[in-house]
Amino acid sequence: MIRAVTLDLDDTLWPIAPVMARAEQALDEWLAVHCPAVRNAFPIPAMRSLRERIWLEHPHLAHDFTELRKISLRRAFSASGEDEALVEHAFDVFFDARNRVELYDDVADALAALGGRFLLATISNGNADLERIGLGRHFRATIHARAIGAAKPEPAIFHAAARALGVGADEVAHVGDDPELDVIGARRAGMVAVWLNRTGGPWPLEGPPPDLTITRLDQLTTALRTHAGESCAA
């Protein structure tokens, strides 16, 4: 029996591309005023390329987007001769904008409905702050890769969510948009794997499809009821 639902965040509860574009723009505008040498040396495309290089240089930090971003900023400030004491302020500007999201239109009502039936938690490789966003009240636990030291699709982060909710992995349905990180990861962890396929595209990976596929979050309760009926019938 499914007692709990865990949810991915970026591109599951809100589209992430416009969020990151606004965050990069906010940082760029702040740098232009307060640290022009950094802004001149690292406009948005160059800052993005720097972060990609930092990612490749620090694979052991793949679970920690916050630290990767701060390392990128420190590198940019150092290369530009700016005071690295301002890095934390620069990150705060970026992070504040990163948490100004626009939910998909089905999310608010779906979370309210799901919270009345299931224990809810989030599992994310990203660093969104649900309290800043205003969604924290919906969730019993918020699991970030940075805190766990492991990122999806590793089973450890899924199992950490189950422990936090006080349930077994087989009592959890995990919902996310990413076929590998969310669906394959949840399946390996022993959870019911639900693919939130908002575009309606075909399953892109080889091997078995998700346990359930939905195109909107407000379809989840019905999908889980159907799945439970099929499981009992089997």
Protein backbone atom coordinates (compact mmCIF):
# COMPACT_ATOMS: atom_id res chain seq x y z
CA MET A 1 0.00 0.00 0.00
CA ILE A 2 1.28 3.46 -0.89
CA ARG A 3 1.42 5.63 2.21
CA ALA A 4 3.76 8.37 1.03
CA VAL A 5 4.61 10.39 -2.07
CA THR A 6 7.96 12.00 -2.76
CA LEU A 7 8.31 14.70 -5.37
CA ASP A 8 11.11 16.11 -7.45
CA LEU A 9 11.13 19.92 -7.63
CA ASP A 10 12.70 21.51 -10.72
CA ASP A 11 10.67 20.80 -13.88
CA THR A 12 8.19 18.85 -11.75
CA LEU A 13 6.60 21.59 -9.63
CA TRP A 14 7.85 24.52 -11.73
CA PRO A 15 9.76 25.02 -14.99
CA ILE A 16 13.42 25.58 -14.16
CA ALA A 17 14.78 27.20 -17.35
CA PRO A 18 13.09 30.60 -16.85
CA VAL A 19 14.02 30.56 -13.16
CA MET A 20 17.70 30.07 -13.90
CA ALA A 21 17.63 32.69 -16.66
CA ARG A 22 16.18 35.25 -14.23
CA ALA A 23 18.69 34.28 -11.54
CA GLU A 24 21.62 34.67 -13.94
CA GLN A 25 20.24 38.03 -15.04
CA ALA A 26 19.82 39.23 -11.45
CA LEU A 27 23.41 38.26 -10.64
CA ASP A 28 24.70 39.91 -13.80
CA GLU A 29 22.92 43.17 -12.99
CA TRP A 30 24.25 43.15 -9.42
CA LEU A 31 27.79 42.51 -10.60
CA ALA A 32 27.55 45.35 -13.12
CA VAL A 33 26.89 47.78 -10.27
CA HIS A 34 28.99 46.35 -7.43
CA CYS A 35 31.76 44.35 -9.12
CA PRO A 36 32.11 45.65 -12.68
CA ALA A 37 35.45 43.96 -13.26
CA VAL A 38 33.80 40.58 -12.69
CA ARG A 39 30.84 41.53 -14.88
CA ASN A 40 33.10 42.69 -17.71
CA ALA A 41 35.21 39.53 -17.61
CA PHE A 42 32.31 37.16 -17.02
CA PRO A 43 29.07 38.20 -18.69
CA ILE A 44 26.30 35.61 -18.51
CA PRO A 45 27.60 33.24 -21.23
CA ALA A 46 31.13 33.31 -19.80
CA MET A 47 29.88 32.79 -16.25
CA ARG A 48 27.84 29.84 -17.47
CA SER A 49 30.87 28.33 -19.21
CA LEU A 50 32.95 28.85 -16.06
CA ARG A 51 30.42 26.95 -13.98
CA GLU A 52 30.45 24.07 -16.47
CA ARG A 53 34.25 23.90 -16.18
CA ILE A 54 34.00 23.95 -12.39
CA TRP A 55 31.51 21.07 -12.57
CA LEU A 56 33.99 19.01 -14.60
CA GLU A 57 36.82 19.87 -12.21
CA HIS A 58 34.86 18.84 -9.12
CA PRO A 59 32.87 15.68 -9.91
CA HIS A 60 32.88 14.84 -6.19
CA LEU A 61 30.59 17.87 -5.69
CA ALA A 62 27.97 16.78 -8.21
CA HIS A 63 25.49 16.59 -5.31
CA ASP A 64 26.17 20.16 -4.13
CA PHE A 65 24.96 22.84 -6.54
CA THR A 66 25.42 25.55 -3.91
CA GLU A 67 29.12 24.87 -3.44
CA LEU A 68 29.70 24.54 -7.19
CA ARG A 69 28.12 27.94 -7.72
CA LYS A 70 30.20 29.51 -4.95
CA ILE A 71 33.42 28.00 -6.32
CA SER A 72 32.55 29.48 -9.72
CA LEU A 73 32.01 32.89 -8.18
CA ARG A 74 35.24 32.73 -6.20
CA ARG A 75 37.12 31.80 -9.37
CA ALA A 76 35.54 34.70 -11.28
CA PHE A 77 36.27 37.20 -8.50
CA SER A 78 39.87 36.02 -8.15
CA ALA A 79 40.49 36.17 -11.90
CA SER A 80 39.05 39.69 -12.01
CA GLY A 81 40.96 41.05 -9.01
CA GLU A 82 37.78 41.73 -7.05
CA ASP A 83 37.35 41.28 -3.30
CA GLU A 84 36.27 37.68 -2.66
CA ALA A 85 34.55 38.85 0.51
CA LEU A 86 31.68 39.87 -1.77
CA VAL A 87 31.16 36.33 -3.09
CA GLU A 88 28.60 35.46 -0.42
CA HIS A 89 26.61 38.59 -1.22
CA ALA A 90 26.74 37.76 -4.94
CA PHE A 91 25.51 34.24 -4.23
CA ASP A 92 22.66 35.58 -2.09
CA VAL A 93 21.51 37.73 -5.00
CA PHE A 94 21.54 34.72 -7.30
CA PHE A 95 19.89 32.44 -4.74
CA ASP A 96 17.11 34.87 -3.95
CA ALA A 97 16.17 35.00 -7.64
CA ARG A 98 16.59 31.23 -7.96
CA ASN A 99 13.79 30.80 -5.43
CA ARG A 100 11.32 33.04 -7.24
CA VAL A 101 9.50 30.37 -9.16
CA GLU A 102 6.19 30.13 -11.01
CA LEU A 103 4.37 26.89 -10.27
CA TYR A 104 2.77 24.83 -12.99
CA ASP A 105 -0.97 25.50 -12.91
CA ASP A 106 -1.84 22.06 -11.51
CA VAL A 107 0.57 22.11 -8.58
CA ALA A 108 -1.10 24.14 -5.82
CA ASP A 109 -4.38 22.22 -5.84
CA ALA A 110 -2.61 18.88 -6.33
CA LEU A 111 -0.34 19.40 -3.32
CA ALA A 112 -3.30 20.29 -1.13
CA ALA A 113 -5.18 17.17 -2.25
CA LEU A 114 -2.18 14.85 -1.96
CA GLY A 115 -1.37 16.15 1.50
CA GLY A 116 -4.77 15.01 2.69
CA ARG A 117 -4.10 11.42 1.63
CA PHE A 118 -0.35 10.81 1.80
CA LEU A 119 2.77 11.73 3.70
CA LEU A 120 4.68 14.10 1.43
CA ALA A 121 8.40 14.77 1.01
CA THR A 122 10.64 16.24 -1.66
CA ILE A 123 13.77 14.72 -3.16
CA SER A 124 15.94 17.09 -5.16
CA ASN A 125 19.45 17.30 -6.52
CA GLY A 126 18.99 21.07 -6.64
CA ASN A 127 19.06 23.67 -3.90
CA ALA A 128 15.62 25.27 -3.99
CA ASP A 129 14.42 26.57 -0.61
CA LEU A 130 10.78 25.58 -0.11
CA GLU A 131 10.33 27.94 2.82
CA ARG A 132 11.35 30.91 0.66
CA ILE A 133 9.14 29.65 -2.14
CA GLY A 134 6.19 29.21 0.24
CA LEU A 135 5.62 25.47 -0.19
CA GLY A 136 7.28 24.14 2.96
CA ARG A 137 3.98 23.64 4.79
CA HIS A 138 2.99 20.85 2.42
CA PHE A 139 5.92 18.54 3.22
CA ARG A 140 6.93 16.43 6.21
CA ALA A 141 10.52 16.25 4.94
CA THR A 142 12.69 18.02 2.39
CA ILE A 143 15.62 15.95 1.15
CA HIS A 144 18.42 17.70 -0.71
CA ALA A 145 21.37 15.91 -2.26
CA ARG A 146 23.71 18.40 -0.61
CA ALA A 147 22.61 17.37 2.89
CA ILE A 148 22.63 13.63 2.15
CA GLY A 149 25.94 13.60 0.28
CA ALA A 150 24.37 11.58 -2.53
CA ALA A 151 22.37 12.63 -5.57
CA LYS A 152 19.64 10.98 -7.60
CA PRO A 153 19.63 8.35 -9.06
CA GLU A 154 21.58 6.86 -6.13
CA PRO A 155 19.27 4.81 -3.86
CA ALA A 156 20.65 6.50 -0.74
CA ILE A 157 18.79 9.76 -1.30
CA PHE A 158 15.48 7.96 -1.88
CA HIS A 159 15.98 5.80 1.19
CA ALA A 160 16.74 8.92 3.24
CA ALA A 161 13.32 10.30 2.29
CA ALA A 162 11.57 7.07 3.26
CA ARG A 163 13.32 7.07 6.64
CA ALA A 164 12.40 10.70 7.23
CA LEU A 165 8.74 9.83 6.62
CA GLY A 166 8.90 6.67 8.74
CA VAL A 167 7.82 4.33 5.95
CA GLY A 168 9.38 1.59 3.86
CA ALA A 169 10.61 2.31 0.36
CA ASP A 170 7.94 -0.03 -1.03
CA GLU A 171 5.29 2.22 0.54
CA VAL A 172 6.45 5.28 -1.40
CA ALA A 173 5.59 6.55 -4.87
CA HIS A 174 8.22 8.91 -6.25
CA VAL A 175 7.17 11.44 -8.88
CA GLY A 176 9.56 13.29 -11.17
CA ASP A 177 10.17 14.47 -14.70
CA ASP A 178 13.60 12.95 -15.34
CA PRO A 179 13.55 9.40 -16.76
CA GLU A 180 16.94 8.44 -15.34
CA LEU A 181 17.28 10.48 -12.17
CA ASP A 182 13.69 10.09 -10.99
CA VAL A 183 12.20 7.00 -12.62
CA ILE A 184 15.21 4.69 -12.77
CA GLY A 185 16.43 6.00 -9.41
CA ALA A 186 13.10 5.37 -7.70
CA ARG A 187 12.81 1.90 -9.18
CA ARG A 188 16.31 0.95 -7.99
CA ALA A 189 15.39 2.20 -4.53
CA GLY A 190 12.33 -0.08 -4.42
CA MET A 191 9.74 2.68 -4.81
CA VAL A 192 6.84 2.97 -7.22
CA ALA A 193 8.27 5.06 -10.05
CA VAL A 194 5.94 7.72 -11.47
CA TRP A 195 7.01 9.67 -14.54
CA LEU A 196 5.52 13.15 -14.77
CA ASN A 197 5.66 13.51 -18.55
CA ARG A 198 4.21 16.97 -19.09
CA THR A 199 5.06 16.98 -22.81
CA GLY A 200 3.40 13.64 -23.54
CA GLY A 201 6.48 12.32 -25.31
CA PRO A 202 7.45 8.64 -25.63
CA TRP A 203 9.50 6.87 -22.96
CA PRO A 204 13.08 7.64 -24.07
CA LEU A 205 15.07 4.88 -22.39
CA GLU A 206 15.57 1.20 -23.10
CA GLY A 207 14.14 -1.27 -20.65
CA PRO A 208 10.83 -1.30 -18.80
CA PRO A 209 8.71 1.86 -18.70
CA PRO A 210 7.72 3.64 -15.47
CA ASP A 211 5.24 2.00 -13.13
CA LEU A 212 2.93 4.93 -13.81
CA THR A 213 2.95 7.85 -16.25
CA ILE A 214 0.98 11.06 -15.74
CA THR A 215 0.95 14.33 -17.65
CA ARG A 216 -0.30 16.48 -14.76
CA LEU A 217 0.28 16.25 -11.03
CA ASP A 218 -3.45 16.34 -10.33
CA GLN A 219 -3.76 12.94 -12.06
CA LEU A 220 -1.61 11.23 -9.43
CA THR A 221 -4.23 10.19 -6.86
CA THR A 222 -6.38 8.50 -9.50
CA ALA A 223 -3.32 6.85 -11.06
CA LEU A 224 -2.23 5.47 -7.69
CA ARG A 225 -5.73 4.11 -6.99
CA THR A 226 -5.71 2.35 -10.35
CA HIS A 227 -2.22 0.99 -9.70
CA ALA A 228 -3.28 -0.34 -6.30
CA GLY A 229 -6.27 -2.07 -7.86
CA GLU A 230 -4.11 -3.67 -10.51
CA SER A 231 -1.59 -4.78 -7.88
CA CYS A 232 -4.33 -6.41 -5.80
CA ALA A 233 -5.81 -8.08 -8.86
CA ALA A 234 -2.40 -9.42 -9.81
